[in-house]
Amino acid sequence: MRASSLVGNRGSSDTTRRARSQHLAIELQIATRAVQAPTVGQIRRWVRAALGRQGEITVRIVGAAEARRLNRRYSGHDYATNVLSFAYALSARLVHGDIVLCGPVIAREARDRGKSVDAHFAHLTVHGLLHLQGHEHSGSRNALRMEALEKRILGKLGYPDPYAA
């Protein structure tokens, strides 16, 4: 079962937009009005940059309550986190999964770190996509590898190093 099916709360406030191409299907769900969400075009651009294969990706932008509920349920942490990734299939040709982005947390973190909200959404979208492709940041070696990939992808997109002080 897809996490986007599990998250519920698909009331009249949700907005769903789809983008399809020959190799990529993206669904953007906006379930919060707390922040200015990225457009489906921005999401498509970020996904294409980070995805080295075909994909079926749902990106859901949520409020703090939903992010906290999902983080507690799936990670055992009782707080609203910035990004969660749910991988459903990974093969040499296809990535299938969901990325949940918490708009209010991302906006707060961007403000606190002196970054643009756009750059932080891009970074966390790329970060989530790398997780869907099997990358992890547990352990210093894995973390350095994943950070290097994020920096390279974001640099190609015209964003600054997300880890720079």
C-alpha atoms as a PDB file:
ATOM      1  CA  MET A   1       0.000   0.000   0.000  1.00  0.00           C
ATOM      2  CA  ARG A   2       1.368   3.410  -0.936  1.00  0.00           C
ATOM      3  CA  ALA A   3       2.064   5.868   1.879  1.00  0.00           C
ATOM      4  CA  SER A   4       0.122   8.491  -0.017  1.00  0.00           C
ATOM      5  CA  SER A   5      -2.849   6.185   0.416  1.00  0.00           C
ATOM      6  CA  LEU A   6      -2.089   5.797   4.090  1.00  0.00           C
ATOM      7  CA  VAL A   7      -1.721   9.459   4.929  1.00  0.00           C
ATOM      8  CA  GLY A   8      -5.397  10.232   4.448  1.00  0.00           C
ATOM      9  CA  ASN A   9      -6.537  13.807   4.997  1.00  0.00           C
ATOM     10  CA  ARG A  10      -7.432  14.177   1.345  1.00  0.00           C
ATOM     11  CA  GLY A  11     -10.111  16.745   1.890  1.00  0.00           C
ATOM     12  CA  SER A  12     -11.033  19.690  -0.226  1.00  0.00           C
ATOM     13  CA  SER A  13      -7.849  21.477   0.872  1.00  0.00           C
ATOM     14  CA  ASP A  14      -5.616  18.993  -0.966  1.00  0.00           C
ATOM     15  CA  THR A  15      -4.392  19.900  -4.410  1.00  0.00           C
ATOM     16  CA  THR A  16      -3.118  17.177  -6.724  1.00  0.00           C
ATOM     17  CA  ARG A  17      -1.166  17.854  -9.898  1.00  0.00           C
ATOM     18  CA  ARG A  18       0.338  15.283 -12.225  1.00  0.00           C
ATOM     19  CA  ALA A  19       3.216  15.428 -14.664  1.00  0.00           C
ATOM     20  CA  ARG A  20       3.957  12.577 -17.027  1.00  0.00           C
ATOM     21  CA  SER A  21       6.640  11.927 -19.538  1.00  0.00           C
ATOM     22  CA  GLN A  22       7.796   8.815 -21.316  1.00  0.00           C
ATOM     23  CA  HIS A  23      10.090   7.850 -18.440  1.00  0.00           C
ATOM     24  CA  LEU A  24       8.683   9.657 -15.439  1.00  0.00           C
ATOM     25  CA  ALA A  25       5.311   9.957 -13.698  1.00  0.00           C
ATOM     26  CA  ILE A  26       5.098  12.506 -10.901  1.00  0.00           C
ATOM     27  CA  GLU A  27       2.143  13.257  -8.687  1.00  0.00           C
ATOM     28  CA  LEU A  28       2.347  16.388  -6.552  1.00  0.00           C
ATOM     29  CA  GLN A  29      -0.086  16.517  -3.636  1.00  0.00           C
ATOM     30  CA  ILE A  30      -0.369  19.744  -1.666  1.00  0.00           C
ATOM     31  CA  ALA A  31      -2.092  19.149   1.666  1.00  0.00           C
ATOM     32  CA  THR A  32      -1.183  22.390   3.415  1.00  0.00           C
ATOM     33  CA  ARG A  33      -1.618  26.065   2.776  1.00  0.00           C
ATOM     34  CA  ALA A  34       0.934  27.012   5.427  1.00  0.00           C
ATOM     35  CA  VAL A  35       3.678  27.724   2.865  1.00  0.00           C
ATOM     36  CA  GLN A  36       4.117  28.550  -0.785  1.00  0.00           C
ATOM     37  CA  ALA A  37       4.564  25.073  -2.249  1.00  0.00           C
ATOM     38  CA  PRO A  38       6.798  24.395  -5.228  1.00  0.00           C
ATOM     39  CA  THR A  39       5.129  23.982  -8.591  1.00  0.00           C
ATOM     40  CA  VAL A  40       4.852  20.666 -10.382  1.00  0.00           C
ATOM     41  CA  GLY A  41       7.394  22.068 -12.884  1.00  0.00           C
ATOM     42  CA  GLN A  42       9.918  22.696 -10.119  1.00  0.00           C
ATOM     43  CA  ILE A  43       9.343  19.249  -8.632  1.00  0.00           C
ATOM     44  CA  ARG A  44       9.730  17.652 -12.079  1.00  0.00           C
ATOM     45  CA  ARG A  45      13.027  19.490 -12.625  1.00  0.00           C
ATOM     46  CA  TRP A  46      14.410  18.409  -9.243  1.00  0.00           C
ATOM     47  CA  VAL A  47      13.241  14.813  -9.669  1.00  0.00           C
ATOM     48  CA  ARG A  48      14.755  14.528 -13.155  1.00  0.00           C
ATOM     49  CA  ALA A  49      18.088  15.851 -11.871  1.00  0.00           C
ATOM     50  CA  ALA A  50      18.248  13.306  -9.030  1.00  0.00           C
ATOM     51  CA  LEU A  51      16.698  10.296 -10.736  1.00  0.00           C
ATOM     52  CA  GLY A  52      19.000   8.165 -12.846  1.00  0.00           C
ATOM     53  CA  ARG A  53      16.223   5.943 -14.184  1.00  0.00           C
ATOM     54  CA  GLN A  54      12.509   5.785 -14.856  1.00  0.00           C
ATOM     55  CA  GLY A  55      10.250   6.598 -11.984  1.00  0.00           C
ATOM     56  CA  GLU A  56       6.795   6.775 -10.527  1.00  0.00           C
ATOM     57  CA  ILE A  57       7.078   9.330  -7.751  1.00  0.00           C
ATOM     58  CA  THR A  58       4.497  10.963  -5.516  1.00  0.00           C
ATOM     59  CA  VAL A  59       5.587  14.117  -3.694  1.00  0.00           C
ATOM     60  CA  ARG A  60       3.227  15.148  -0.901  1.00  0.00           C
ATOM     61  CA  ILE A  61       3.639  18.489   0.852  1.00  0.00           C
ATOM     62  CA  VAL A  62       2.043  18.372   4.284  1.00  0.00           C
ATOM     63  CA  GLY A  63       1.581  20.408   7.434  1.00  0.00           C
ATOM     64  CA  ALA A  64       3.325  19.771  10.737  1.00  0.00           C
ATOM     65  CA  ALA A  65       0.577  17.587  12.231  1.00  0.00           C
ATOM     66  CA  GLU A  66       0.627  15.112   9.341  1.00  0.00           C
ATOM     67  CA  ALA A  67       4.445  15.062   9.230  1.00  0.00           C
ATOM     68  CA  ARG A  68       4.565  14.358  12.960  1.00  0.00           C
ATOM     69  CA  ARG A  69       1.965  11.589  12.689  1.00  0.00           C
ATOM     70  CA  LEU A  70       3.816   9.897   9.806  1.00  0.00           C
ATOM     71  CA  ASN A  71       7.213  10.280  11.461  1.00  0.00           C
ATOM     72  CA  ARG A  72       5.876   8.748  14.693  1.00  0.00           C
ATOM     73  CA  ARG A  73       4.194   5.879  12.835  1.00  0.00           C
ATOM     74  CA  TYR A  74       6.998   4.969  10.429  1.00  0.00           C
ATOM     75  CA  SER A  75      10.183   6.143  12.170  1.00  0.00           C
ATOM     76  CA  GLY A  76       9.205   6.094  15.836  1.00  0.00           C
ATOM     77  CA  HIS A  77      10.086   9.796  16.311  1.00  0.00           C
ATOM     78  CA  ASP A  78       7.430  12.052  17.817  1.00  0.00           C
ATOM     79  CA  TYR A  79       8.098  15.310  15.958  1.00  0.00           C
ATOM     80  CA  ALA A  80       7.392  16.851  12.570  1.00  0.00           C
ATOM     81  CA  THR A  81      10.353  16.068  10.353  1.00  0.00           C
ATOM     82  CA  ASN A  82      11.300  17.845   7.134  1.00  0.00           C
ATOM     83  CA  VAL A  83      11.279  14.832   4.766  1.00  0.00           C
ATOM     84  CA  LEU A  84      10.220  11.187   4.770  1.00  0.00           C
ATOM     85  CA  SER A  85      10.753   8.704   1.944  1.00  0.00           C
ATOM     86  CA  PHE A  86       8.739   5.564   1.243  1.00  0.00           C
ATOM     87  CA  ALA A  87      10.261   3.243  -1.372  1.00  0.00           C
ATOM     88  CA  TYR A  88       7.970   0.670  -2.997  1.00  0.00           C
ATOM     89  CA  ALA A  89      10.051  -0.682  -5.858  1.00  0.00           C
ATOM     90  CA  LEU A  90      13.609  -0.203  -6.966  1.00  0.00           C
ATOM     91  CA  SER A  91      15.121  -1.880  -9.969  1.00  0.00           C
ATOM     92  CA  ALA A  92      17.750  -1.066 -12.554  1.00  0.00           C
ATOM     93  CA  ARG A  93      15.024   0.622 -14.601  1.00  0.00           C
ATOM     94  CA  LEU A  94      12.407   1.925 -12.155  1.00  0.00           C
ATOM     95  CA  VAL A  95      12.105   3.821  -8.885  1.00  0.00           C
ATOM     96  CA  HIS A  96       8.634   3.785  -7.351  1.00  0.00           C
ATOM     97  CA  GLY A  97       7.960   5.642  -4.126  1.00  0.00           C
ATOM     98  CA  ASP A  98       6.643   8.580  -2.169  1.00  0.00           C
ATOM     99  CA  ILE A  99       8.366  11.591  -0.664  1.00  0.00           C
ATOM    100  CA  VAL A 100       6.600  13.546   2.072  1.00  0.00           C
ATOM    101  CA  LEU A 101       7.840  17.101   2.623  1.00  0.00           C
ATOM    102  CA  CYS A 102       6.713  19.142   5.627  1.00  0.00           C
ATOM    103  CA  GLY A 103       6.204  22.674   4.316  1.00  0.00           C
ATOM    104  CA  PRO A 104       6.222  24.526   7.659  1.00  0.00           C
ATOM    105  CA  VAL A 105       9.361  22.731   8.894  1.00  0.00           C
ATOM    106  CA  ILE A 106      11.146  23.365   5.591  1.00  0.00           C
ATOM    107  CA  ALA A 107      10.191  27.058   5.675  1.00  0.00           C
ATOM    108  CA  ARG A 108      11.383  27.410   9.283  1.00  0.00           C
ATOM    109  CA  GLU A 109      14.660  25.614   8.608  1.00  0.00           C
ATOM    110  CA  ALA A 110      15.301  27.734   5.505  1.00  0.00           C
ATOM    111  CA  ARG A 111      14.700  30.936   7.468  1.00  0.00           C
ATOM    112  CA  ASP A 112      16.882  29.757  10.398  1.00  0.00           C
ATOM    113  CA  ARG A 113      19.727  28.786   8.033  1.00  0.00           C
ATOM    114  CA  GLY A 114      19.510  31.878   5.824  1.00  0.00           C
ATOM    115  CA  LYS A 115      18.506  29.854   2.757  1.00  0.00           C
ATOM    116  CA  SER A 116      15.713  30.406   0.293  1.00  0.00           C
ATOM    117  CA  VAL A 117      12.674  28.202   0.801  1.00  0.00           C
ATOM    118  CA  ASP A 118      12.989  27.176  -2.862  1.00  0.00           C
ATOM    119  CA  ALA A 119      16.587  25.969  -2.352  1.00  0.00           C
ATOM    120  CA  HIS A 120      15.632  24.031   0.785  1.00  0.00           C
ATOM    121  CA  PHE A 121      12.641  22.366  -0.943  1.00  0.00           C
ATOM    122  CA  ALA A 122      14.977  21.421  -3.817  1.00  0.00           C
ATOM    123  CA  HIS A 123      17.560  20.006  -1.411  1.00  0.00           C
ATOM    124  CA  LEU A 124      15.067  17.899   0.530  1.00  0.00           C
ATOM    125  CA  THR A 125      13.384  16.648  -2.638  1.00  0.00           C
ATOM    126  CA  VAL A 126      16.773  15.514  -3.960  1.00  0.00           C
ATOM    127  CA  HIS A 127      17.615  14.038  -0.539  1.00  0.00           C
ATOM    128  CA  GLY A 128      14.359  12.069  -0.503  1.00  0.00           C
ATOM    129  CA  LEU A 129      14.908  10.821  -4.055  1.00  0.00           C
ATOM    130  CA  LEU A 130      18.369   9.576  -3.172  1.00  0.00           C
ATOM    131  CA  HIS A 131      16.816   7.598  -0.306  1.00  0.00           C
ATOM    132  CA  LEU A 132      14.293   6.097  -2.752  1.00  0.00           C
ATOM    133  CA  GLN A 133      17.259   4.933  -4.831  1.00  0.00           C
ATOM    134  CA  GLY A 134      18.861   3.166  -1.871  1.00  0.00           C
ATOM    135  CA  HIS A 135      21.280   5.824  -0.624  1.00  0.00           C
ATOM    136  CA  GLU A 136      21.652   6.166   3.132  1.00  0.00           C
ATOM    137  CA  HIS A 137      23.490   8.530   5.445  1.00  0.00           C
ATOM    138  CA  SER A 138      23.990   6.208   8.395  1.00  0.00           C
ATOM    139  CA  GLY A 139      27.710   6.139   9.123  1.00  0.00           C
ATOM    140  CA  SER A 140      30.204   8.809   8.156  1.00  0.00           C
ATOM    141  CA  ARG A 141      31.269   7.177   4.862  1.00  0.00           C
ATOM    142  CA  ASN A 142      27.665   6.861   3.619  1.00  0.00           C
ATOM    143  CA  ALA A 143      26.856  10.384   4.807  1.00  0.00           C
ATOM    144  CA  LEU A 144      29.818  11.864   2.925  1.00  0.00           C
ATOM    145  CA  ARG A 145      28.874   9.960  -0.236  1.00  0.00           C
ATOM    146  CA  MET A 146      25.241  11.066  -0.068  1.00  0.00           C
ATOM    147  CA  GLU A 147      26.173  14.686   0.705  1.00  0.00           C
ATOM    148  CA  ALA A 148      28.555  14.745  -2.260  1.00  0.00           C
ATOM    149  CA  LEU A 149      25.771  13.489  -4.548  1.00  0.00           C
ATOM    150  CA  GLU A 150      23.359  16.101  -3.192  1.00  0.00           C
ATOM    151  CA  LYS A 151      25.906  18.899  -3.682  1.00  0.00           C
ATOM    152  CA  ARG A 152      26.625  17.779  -7.253  1.00  0.00           C
ATOM    153  CA  ILE A 153      22.939  17.490  -8.224  1.00  0.00           C
ATOM    154  CA  LEU A 154      21.986  20.792  -6.587  1.00  0.00           C
ATOM    155  CA  GLY A 155      24.992  22.505  -8.178  1.00  0.00           C
ATOM    156  CA  LYS A 156      23.821  21.372 -11.623  1.00  0.00           C
ATOM    157  CA  LEU A 157      20.427  22.876 -10.777  1.00  0.00           C
ATOM    158  CA  GLY A 158      22.071  26.177  -9.847  1.00  0.00           C
ATOM    159  CA  TYR A 159      21.642  25.906  -6.070  1.00  0.00           C
ATOM    160  CA  PRO A 160      24.417  26.523  -3.556  1.00  0.00           C
ATOM    161  CA  ASP A 161      25.973  23.845  -1.354  1.00  0.00           C
ATOM    162  CA  PRO A 162      23.208  22.957   1.132  1.00  0.00           C
ATOM    163  CA  TYR A 163      25.784  21.999   3.767  1.00  0.00           C
ATOM    164  CA  ALA A 164      27.839  25.206   3.614  1.00  0.00           C
ATOM    165  CA  ALA A 165      27.828  27.084   6.929  1.00  0.00           C
END
